[in-house]
Structures are given as structure tokens and as C-alpha cells.
Amino acid sequence: MPSKTKPRLSRGVLDMKFMQRTKVKVEKEADDEQSRALYSNEINEKMLNSTSNFLVESSYSICAGLIDGRLSFRGMNPELELLMEQELAEKQAHTKPEQPKEVSDQDMAKAYYANKAPTVSSSMAKKFSSKKDFKRKQKGDTNGSPHPKKKQQFKKPRSDED
């Protein structure tokens, strides 16, 4: 009588680099099989074959930040709108007041541009500049010419016989 178990690949083969996708697939199948075995008495065939539009969460912590279920807009339920306004006022009262600024925005902008902070374009230009440009800038050659002064060529010494 043949066994119903499917032949499985060895662990050594699955650990090979080119078998990584197969390894993931085999592990997923094994996990699914184990979960089916654990919950076989609770899950029926209809549950396995149907697709559900609902997601079941084991924790209710994701619901902690949600708003209350009852809402009213444009005077449909004035009592509820009054309650919503009161809750909003309580929340705003509990928030921290805005701290006064020690340095105004204009002073900060002046200080920033006085130091001639690098802009995005200058930092990108620096990234693509060559070593020659960097050395030229270090020497202080900022006349804008693409080529610095030409090197002087070797001059032969004069002979005394002339």
C-alpha cells in the first residue's frame, strides 16, 4: 500500500542558493499543514474554500485611537453635536500651549543666509566636481577660466661659447 505523503527535498538541497524560493514555498506549505492539523476540528470546508472580506485581529489595541461611533453633522442630531464640541474643547485644553520663539523667523533667515549655507545645487555640484576643480578652488583660483596658467616649458641653458 503506497503512502500518501509527498516526497520532500532534503534540508541540504533546500539550503543551496538557487533553491531559496523553493525553500520559502516548502516552509509555507509546512506551516499551512500544521495550522490545518491544529484547527482541523474548528475549520470546516466552507471556511477553507470561501474568500472573506473581513480581517480578524486578536488584539483590540488598534481600536484605541478610533473616534466614537456616533457622529452628527449639519444639525441632524444637535445633542450629539454639542457633546462632540465639548469633547473637542477638552482635548484642546489638554494640549500644550505653543512656546514663544526665542529667535524670530526673519532673524533665523538672516543668520542662515549670512553664513552662506550650502544649497542643494551647490552640494550636487560639489559631488560631480573633479579633483582639478577642487585643487583649483583650494589654491584660490576663482577667475572662472576653465584652464589655469600654462606651465612653462623647459628652457635649454645657454652655452658659454655664443
C-alpha atoms as a PDB file:
ATOM      1  CA  MET A   1       0.000   0.000   0.000  1.00  0.00           C
ATOM      2  CA  PRO A   2       1.670   3.287  -1.099  1.00  0.00           C
ATOM      3  CA  SER A   3       1.964   6.070   1.409  1.00  0.00           C
ATOM      4  CA  LYS A   4       0.046   9.312   0.847  1.00  0.00           C
ATOM      5  CA  THR A   5       2.914  11.549   1.959  1.00  0.00           C
ATOM      6  CA  LYS A   6       4.559  13.653  -0.670  1.00  0.00           C
ATOM      7  CA  PRO A   7       8.333  13.184  -1.138  1.00  0.00           C
ATOM      8  CA  ARG A   8      10.226  16.095   0.408  1.00  0.00           C
ATOM      9  CA  LEU A   9      13.514  17.676  -0.547  1.00  0.00           C
ATOM     10  CA  SER A  10      16.386  17.301   1.878  1.00  0.00           C
ATOM     11  CA  ARG A  11      17.494  20.227   4.008  1.00  0.00           C
ATOM     12  CA  GLY A  12      20.904  20.310   2.322  1.00  0.00           C
ATOM     13  CA  VAL A  13      19.316  20.798  -1.095  1.00  0.00           C
ATOM     14  CA  LEU A  14      16.936  23.486   0.188  1.00  0.00           C
ATOM     15  CA  ASP A  15      19.843  25.417   1.740  1.00  0.00           C
ATOM     16  CA  MET A  16      21.501  25.832  -1.666  1.00  0.00           C
ATOM     17  CA  LYS A  17      21.416  29.353  -3.062  1.00  0.00           C
ATOM     18  CA  PHE A  18      19.334  28.611  -6.163  1.00  0.00           C
ATOM     19  CA  MET A  19      16.686  26.772  -4.097  1.00  0.00           C
ATOM     20  CA  GLN A  20      15.769  29.704  -1.827  1.00  0.00           C
ATOM     21  CA  ARG A  21      12.381  30.365  -3.459  1.00  0.00           C
ATOM     22  CA  THR A  22      11.502  26.697  -3.245  1.00  0.00           C
ATOM     23  CA  LYS A  23      12.605  26.645   0.374  1.00  0.00           C
ATOM     24  CA  VAL A  24      10.245  29.504   1.234  1.00  0.00           C
ATOM     25  CA  LYS A  25       7.397  27.782  -0.594  1.00  0.00           C
ATOM     26  CA  VAL A  26       8.042  24.469   1.184  1.00  0.00           C
ATOM     27  CA  GLU A  27       8.190  26.177   4.593  1.00  0.00           C
ATOM     28  CA  LYS A  28       4.911  27.982   3.903  1.00  0.00           C
ATOM     29  CA  GLU A  29       3.240  24.723   2.899  1.00  0.00           C
ATOM     30  CA  ALA A  30       4.509  23.053   6.076  1.00  0.00           C
ATOM     31  CA  ASP A  31       3.168  25.905   8.231  1.00  0.00           C
ATOM     32  CA  ASP A  32      -0.205  25.741   6.491  1.00  0.00           C
ATOM     33  CA  GLU A  33      -0.325  21.998   7.014  1.00  0.00           C
ATOM     34  CA  GLN A  34       0.483  22.357  10.709  1.00  0.00           C
ATOM     35  CA  SER A  35      -2.166  25.053  11.198  1.00  0.00           C
ATOM     36  CA  ARG A  36      -4.757  22.898   9.413  1.00  0.00           C
ATOM     37  CA  ALA A  37      -3.865  19.996  11.682  1.00  0.00           C
ATOM     38  CA  LEU A  38      -4.194  22.162  14.810  1.00  0.00           C
ATOM     39  CA  TYR A  39      -7.535  23.666  13.873  1.00  0.00           C
ATOM     40  CA  SER A  40      -8.992  20.796  11.841  1.00  0.00           C
ATOM     41  CA  ASN A  41     -11.905  20.303  14.243  1.00  0.00           C
ATOM     42  CA  GLU A  42     -12.798  24.053  14.229  1.00  0.00           C
ATOM     43  CA  ILE A  43     -12.441  24.844  10.498  1.00  0.00           C
ATOM     44  CA  ASN A  44     -14.893  23.303   8.067  1.00  0.00           C
ATOM     45  CA  GLU A  45     -14.615  23.005   4.268  1.00  0.00           C
ATOM     46  CA  LYS A  46     -16.843  26.008   3.632  1.00  0.00           C
ATOM     47  CA  MET A  47     -14.464  28.187   5.634  1.00  0.00           C
ATOM     48  CA  LEU A  48     -11.437  26.908   3.725  1.00  0.00           C
ATOM     49  CA  ASN A  49     -12.931  27.405   0.265  1.00  0.00           C
ATOM     50  CA  SER A  50     -14.664  30.783   0.731  1.00  0.00           C
ATOM     51  CA  THR A  51     -12.977  34.140   0.471  1.00  0.00           C
ATOM     52  CA  SER A  52     -13.749  36.568   3.248  1.00  0.00           C
ATOM     53  CA  ASN A  53     -13.884  40.344   3.231  1.00  0.00           C
ATOM     54  CA  PHE A  54     -13.134  40.550   6.937  1.00  0.00           C
ATOM     55  CA  LEU A  55      -9.844  40.553   8.776  1.00  0.00           C
ATOM     56  CA  VAL A  56      -9.854  39.116  12.292  1.00  0.00           C
ATOM     57  CA  GLU A  57      -7.441  40.704  14.757  1.00  0.00           C
ATOM     58  CA  SER A  58      -6.603  39.017  18.033  1.00  0.00           C
ATOM     59  CA  SER A  59      -5.944  42.329  19.787  1.00  0.00           C
ATOM     60  CA  TYR A  60      -8.198  45.336  20.240  1.00  0.00           C
ATOM     61  CA  SER A  61      -5.282  47.739  20.643  1.00  0.00           C
ATOM     62  CA  ILE A  62      -5.735  49.070  17.084  1.00  0.00           C
ATOM     63  CA  CYS A  63      -9.150  50.386  18.129  1.00  0.00           C
ATOM     64  CA  ALA A  64      -7.711  52.545  20.927  1.00  0.00           C
ATOM     65  CA  GLY A  65      -7.213  55.653  18.753  1.00  0.00           C
ATOM     66  CA  LEU A  66     -10.540  55.498  16.904  1.00  0.00           C
ATOM     67  CA  ILE A  67     -13.324  58.044  17.355  1.00  0.00           C
ATOM     68  CA  ASP A  68     -16.690  57.231  18.903  1.00  0.00           C
ATOM     69  CA  GLY A  69     -19.218  55.501  16.698  1.00  0.00           C
ATOM     70  CA  ARG A  70     -21.978  58.123  16.902  1.00  0.00           C
ATOM     71  CA  LEU A  71     -21.467  61.236  14.787  1.00  0.00           C
ATOM     72  CA  SER A  72     -23.713  64.057  13.651  1.00  0.00           C
ATOM     73  CA  PHE A  73     -23.236  66.764  11.054  1.00  0.00           C
ATOM     74  CA  ARG A  74     -25.199  69.835   9.912  1.00  0.00           C
ATOM     75  CA  GLY A  75     -27.668  69.815  12.798  1.00  0.00           C
ATOM     76  CA  MET A  76     -29.001  66.293  12.287  1.00  0.00           C
ATOM     77  CA  ASN A  77     -28.554  65.493  15.984  1.00  0.00           C
ATOM     78  CA  PRO A  78     -27.960  68.692  17.976  1.00  0.00           C
ATOM     79  CA  GLU A  79     -27.398  66.878  21.284  1.00  0.00           C
ATOM     80  CA  LEU A  80     -24.656  64.776  19.818  1.00  0.00           C
ATOM     81  CA  GLU A  81     -23.041  67.776  18.139  1.00  0.00           C
ATOM     82  CA  LEU A  82     -22.979  69.570  21.482  1.00  0.00           C
ATOM     83  CA  LEU A  83     -21.227  66.578  23.064  1.00  0.00           C
ATOM     84  CA  MET A  84     -18.712  66.458  20.202  1.00  0.00           C
ATOM     85  CA  GLU A  85     -17.933  70.170  20.655  1.00  0.00           C
ATOM     86  CA  GLN A  86     -17.401  69.683  24.397  1.00  0.00           C
ATOM     87  CA  GLU A  87     -15.009  66.755  23.802  1.00  0.00           C
ATOM     88  CA  LEU A  88     -13.098  68.789  21.232  1.00  0.00           C
ATOM     89  CA  ALA A  89     -12.798  71.695  23.670  1.00  0.00           C
ATOM     90  CA  GLU A  90     -11.498  69.331  26.391  1.00  0.00           C
ATOM     91  CA  LYS A  91      -8.892  67.897  24.029  1.00  0.00           C
ATOM     92  CA  GLN A  92      -7.712  71.367  23.044  1.00  0.00           C
ATOM     93  CA  ALA A  93      -7.479  72.392  26.703  1.00  0.00           C
ATOM     94  CA  HIS A  94      -5.200  69.426  27.435  1.00  0.00           C
ATOM     95  CA  THR A  95      -2.794  70.217  24.609  1.00  0.00           C
ATOM     96  CA  LYS A  96       0.336  72.211  25.422  1.00  0.00           C
ATOM     97  CA  PRO A  97       0.268  75.898  24.544  1.00  0.00           C
ATOM     98  CA  GLU A  98       2.710  76.954  21.839  1.00  0.00           C
ATOM     99  CA  GLN A  99       6.007  78.090  23.288  1.00  0.00           C
ATOM    100  CA  PRO A 100       7.203  81.576  22.374  1.00  0.00           C
ATOM    101  CA  LYS A 101      10.073  81.687  19.930  1.00  0.00           C
ATOM    102  CA  GLU A 102      13.423  82.910  21.176  1.00  0.00           C
ATOM    103  CA  VAL A 103      14.573  83.801  17.661  1.00  0.00           C
ATOM    104  CA  SER A 104      12.141  85.126  15.081  1.00  0.00           C
ATOM    105  CA  ASP A 105      11.864  83.523  11.669  1.00  0.00           C
ATOM    106  CA  GLN A 106      13.281  86.612   9.968  1.00  0.00           C
ATOM    107  CA  ASP A 107      16.338  86.676  12.245  1.00  0.00           C
ATOM    108  CA  MET A 108      16.905  82.988  11.599  1.00  0.00           C
ATOM    109  CA  ALA A 109      16.696  83.525   7.829  1.00  0.00           C
ATOM    110  CA  LYS A 110      19.159  86.421   8.016  1.00  0.00           C
ATOM    111  CA  ALA A 111      21.606  84.341  10.040  1.00  0.00           C
ATOM    112  CA  TYR A 112      21.223  81.417   7.679  1.00  0.00           C
ATOM    113  CA  TYR A 113      21.919  83.421   4.543  1.00  0.00           C
ATOM    114  CA  ALA A 114      24.656  85.498   6.206  1.00  0.00           C
ATOM    115  CA  ASN A 115      26.663  82.290   6.698  1.00  0.00           C
ATOM    116  CA  LYS A 116      26.003  81.395   3.061  1.00  0.00           C
ATOM    117  CA  ALA A 117      24.814  77.929   3.920  1.00  0.00           C
ATOM    118  CA  PRO A 118      25.251  75.458   1.072  1.00  0.00           C
ATOM    119  CA  THR A 119      22.238  74.897  -1.105  1.00  0.00           C
ATOM    120  CA  VAL A 120      21.157  71.685  -2.748  1.00  0.00           C
ATOM    121  CA  SER A 121      22.521  72.758  -6.116  1.00  0.00           C
ATOM    122  CA  SER A 122      25.932  73.609  -4.689  1.00  0.00           C
ATOM    123  CA  SER A 123      26.175  70.305  -2.850  1.00  0.00           C
ATOM    124  CA  MET A 124      25.244  68.422  -6.022  1.00  0.00           C
ATOM    125  CA  ALA A 125      27.808  70.436  -7.995  1.00  0.00           C
ATOM    126  CA  LYS A 126      30.397  69.526  -5.390  1.00  0.00           C
ATOM    127  CA  LYS A 127      29.540  65.851  -5.833  1.00  0.00           C
ATOM    128  CA  PHE A 128      30.245  65.949  -9.565  1.00  0.00           C
ATOM    129  CA  SER A 129      33.279  68.212  -9.499  1.00  0.00           C
ATOM    130  CA  SER A 130      36.658  66.786 -10.383  1.00  0.00           C
ATOM    131  CA  LYS A 131      39.889  66.754  -8.399  1.00  0.00           C
ATOM    132  CA  LYS A 132      41.257  69.535 -10.616  1.00  0.00           C
ATOM    133  CA  ASP A 133      38.324  71.783  -9.701  1.00  0.00           C
ATOM    134  CA  PHE A 134      38.838  71.032  -6.018  1.00  0.00           C
ATOM    135  CA  LYS A 135      42.582  71.798  -6.164  1.00  0.00           C
ATOM    136  CA  ARG A 136      41.942  74.979  -8.144  1.00  0.00           C
ATOM    137  CA  LYS A 137      39.447  76.103  -5.528  1.00  0.00           C
ATOM    138  CA  GLN A 138      41.908  75.314  -2.727  1.00  0.00           C
ATOM    139  CA  LYS A 139      44.610  77.454  -4.382  1.00  0.00           C
ATOM    140  CA  GLY A 140      42.167  80.328  -4.671  1.00  0.00           C
ATOM    141  CA  ASP A 141      41.993  80.455  -8.450  1.00  0.00           C
ATOM    142  CA  THR A 142      38.473  81.750  -8.896  1.00  0.00           C
ATOM    143  CA  ASN A 143      38.887  83.707 -12.117  1.00  0.00           C
ATOM    144  CA  GLY A 144      36.463  81.332 -13.829  1.00  0.00           C
ATOM    145  CA  SER A 145      38.834  80.183 -16.563  1.00  0.00           C
ATOM    146  CA  PRO A 146      38.487  76.514 -17.341  1.00  0.00           C
ATOM    147  CA  HIS A 147      42.277  76.076 -17.597  1.00  0.00           C
ATOM    148  CA  PRO A 148      44.793  77.534 -15.175  1.00  0.00           C
ATOM    149  CA  LYS A 149      48.012  79.181 -16.356  1.00  0.00           C
ATOM    150  CA  LYS A 150      50.115  77.109 -18.704  1.00  0.00           C
ATOM    151  CA  LYS A 151      53.198  75.506 -17.310  1.00  0.00           C
ATOM    152  CA  GLN A 152      56.438  76.993 -18.523  1.00  0.00           C
ATOM    153  CA  GLN A 153      58.371  74.718 -20.789  1.00  0.00           C
ATOM    154  CA  PHE A 154      61.910  73.656 -20.117  1.00  0.00           C
ATOM    155  CA  LYS A 155      64.470  76.115 -21.463  1.00  0.00           C
ATOM    156  CA  LYS A 156      67.871  74.902 -22.512  1.00  0.00           C
ATOM    157  CA  PRO A 157      70.738  76.547 -20.724  1.00  0.00           C
ATOM    158  CA  ARG A 158      72.780  78.895 -22.863  1.00  0.00           C
ATOM    159  CA  SER A 159      76.160  77.738 -23.749  1.00  0.00           C
ATOM    160  CA  ASP A 160      79.100  79.977 -22.932  1.00  0.00           C
ATOM    161  CA  GLU A 161      80.511  79.624 -26.437  1.00  0.00           C
ATOM    162  CA  ASP A 162      77.991  82.006 -28.027  1.00  0.00           C
END
